[in-house]
Amino acid sequence: MGQLNIKDEALIEKVRRLAEKRQTTQTDVLRQLVDEALARDDAEREARRLEKLAAIREITARTAKLFPPGTTSDHSDLYDENGLPK
């Protein structure tokens, strides 16, 4: 099991005070704070991912209108039954 060695006296005092207020241990305070920070970071990352996905979908919806009906992404509309360009 690893060990955490904190040399910042101000931080140690803040963790001690918070542990007293919450009537728990310093380890529990640190565990809760780290868990909260990780959850917040994960939520922010997911929100950014969803924003990017929405932007991509919006671009796709706008650009889809620019292609003629029947156009496909496999380019079969460009070639005849022998594989030659039309």
Protein backbone atom coordinates (compact mmCIF):
# COMPACT_ATOMS: atom_id res chain seq x y z
CA MET A 1 0.00 0.00 0.00
CA GLY A 2 1.30 3.42 -0.95
CA GLN A 3 1.81 6.33 1.34
CA LEU A 4 1.14 10.01 0.86
CA ASN A 5 3.63 12.41 2.42
CA ILE A 6 2.28 15.97 2.50
CA LYS A 7 4.78 18.65 3.47
CA ASP A 8 2.47 21.65 3.06
CA GLU A 9 1.67 22.71 6.63
CA ALA A 10 -1.19 25.00 5.56
CA LEU A 11 -2.84 22.17 3.64
CA ILE A 12 -2.39 19.78 6.54
CA GLU A 13 -4.06 22.29 8.87
CA LYS A 14 -6.97 22.78 6.46
CA VAL A 15 -7.52 19.03 6.16
CA ARG A 16 -7.37 18.67 9.94
CA ARG A 17 -9.93 21.47 10.43
CA LEU A 18 -12.25 20.01 7.82
CA ALA A 19 -11.97 16.58 9.40
CA GLU A 20 -12.94 18.06 12.76
CA LYS A 21 -15.92 19.88 11.26
CA ARG A 22 -17.10 16.73 9.52
CA GLN A 23 -16.31 14.60 12.55
CA THR A 24 -14.27 12.17 10.50
CA THR A 25 -10.65 11.31 9.85
CA GLN A 26 -8.23 13.26 7.70
CA THR A 27 -7.98 10.22 5.43
CA ASP A 28 -11.75 10.22 4.94
CA VAL A 29 -11.72 13.94 4.18
CA LEU A 30 -9.05 13.47 1.54
CA ARG A 31 -10.87 10.44 0.11
CA GLN A 32 -14.14 12.38 -0.15
CA LEU A 33 -12.48 15.42 -1.72
CA VAL A 34 -10.60 13.34 -4.28
CA ASP A 35 -13.73 11.32 -5.11
CA GLU A 36 -15.71 14.55 -5.59
CA ALA A 37 -12.98 16.05 -7.78
CA LEU A 38 -12.77 12.91 -9.92
CA ALA A 39 -16.56 12.82 -10.34
CA ARG A 40 -16.59 16.52 -11.30
CA ASP A 41 -13.77 16.01 -13.81
CA ASP A 42 -15.54 12.98 -15.32
CA ALA A 43 -18.80 14.94 -15.61
CA GLU A 44 -17.02 17.89 -17.26
CA ARG A 45 -15.24 15.58 -19.70
CA GLU A 46 -18.53 13.87 -20.59
CA ALA A 47 -20.22 17.26 -21.06
CA ARG A 48 -17.45 18.37 -23.44
CA ARG A 49 -17.76 15.07 -25.34
CA LEU A 50 -21.52 15.53 -25.70
CA GLU A 51 -21.04 19.15 -26.85
CA LYS A 52 -18.61 18.02 -29.54
CA LEU A 53 -20.97 15.25 -30.61
CA ALA A 54 -23.86 17.73 -30.86
CA ALA A 55 -21.70 20.07 -32.95
CA ILE A 56 -20.74 17.23 -35.29
CA ARG A 57 -24.39 16.21 -35.65
CA GLU A 58 -25.39 19.81 -36.39
CA ILE A 59 -22.70 20.09 -39.07
CA THR A 60 -23.77 16.75 -40.53
CA ALA A 61 -27.40 17.84 -40.67
CA ARG A 62 -26.48 21.11 -42.43
CA THR A 63 -24.09 19.54 -44.94
CA ALA A 64 -26.39 16.60 -45.75
CA LYS A 65 -28.71 19.10 -47.43
CA LEU A 66 -25.92 20.04 -49.86
CA PHE A 67 -25.72 16.58 -51.46
CA PRO A 68 -28.08 15.56 -54.26
CA PRO A 69 -30.72 12.94 -53.42
CA GLY A 70 -29.48 9.38 -53.90
CA THR A 71 -25.84 10.24 -53.24
CA THR A 72 -24.18 7.61 -51.07
CA SER A 73 -20.92 7.48 -49.18
CA ASP A 74 -19.82 4.31 -51.00
CA HIS A 75 -19.50 6.29 -54.29
CA SER A 76 -21.45 3.64 -56.20
CA ASP A 77 -23.24 6.49 -57.96
CA LEU A 78 -19.92 7.39 -59.64
CA TYR A 79 -19.27 3.97 -61.26
CA ASP A 80 -21.13 1.69 -63.65
CA GLU A 81 -21.81 -2.04 -63.21
CA ASN A 82 -18.28 -2.81 -64.51
CA GLY A 83 -16.59 -0.53 -62.01
CA LEU A 84 -15.76 2.10 -64.59
CA PRO A 85 -16.42 5.80 -64.04
CA LYS A 86 -19.78 6.99 -65.37
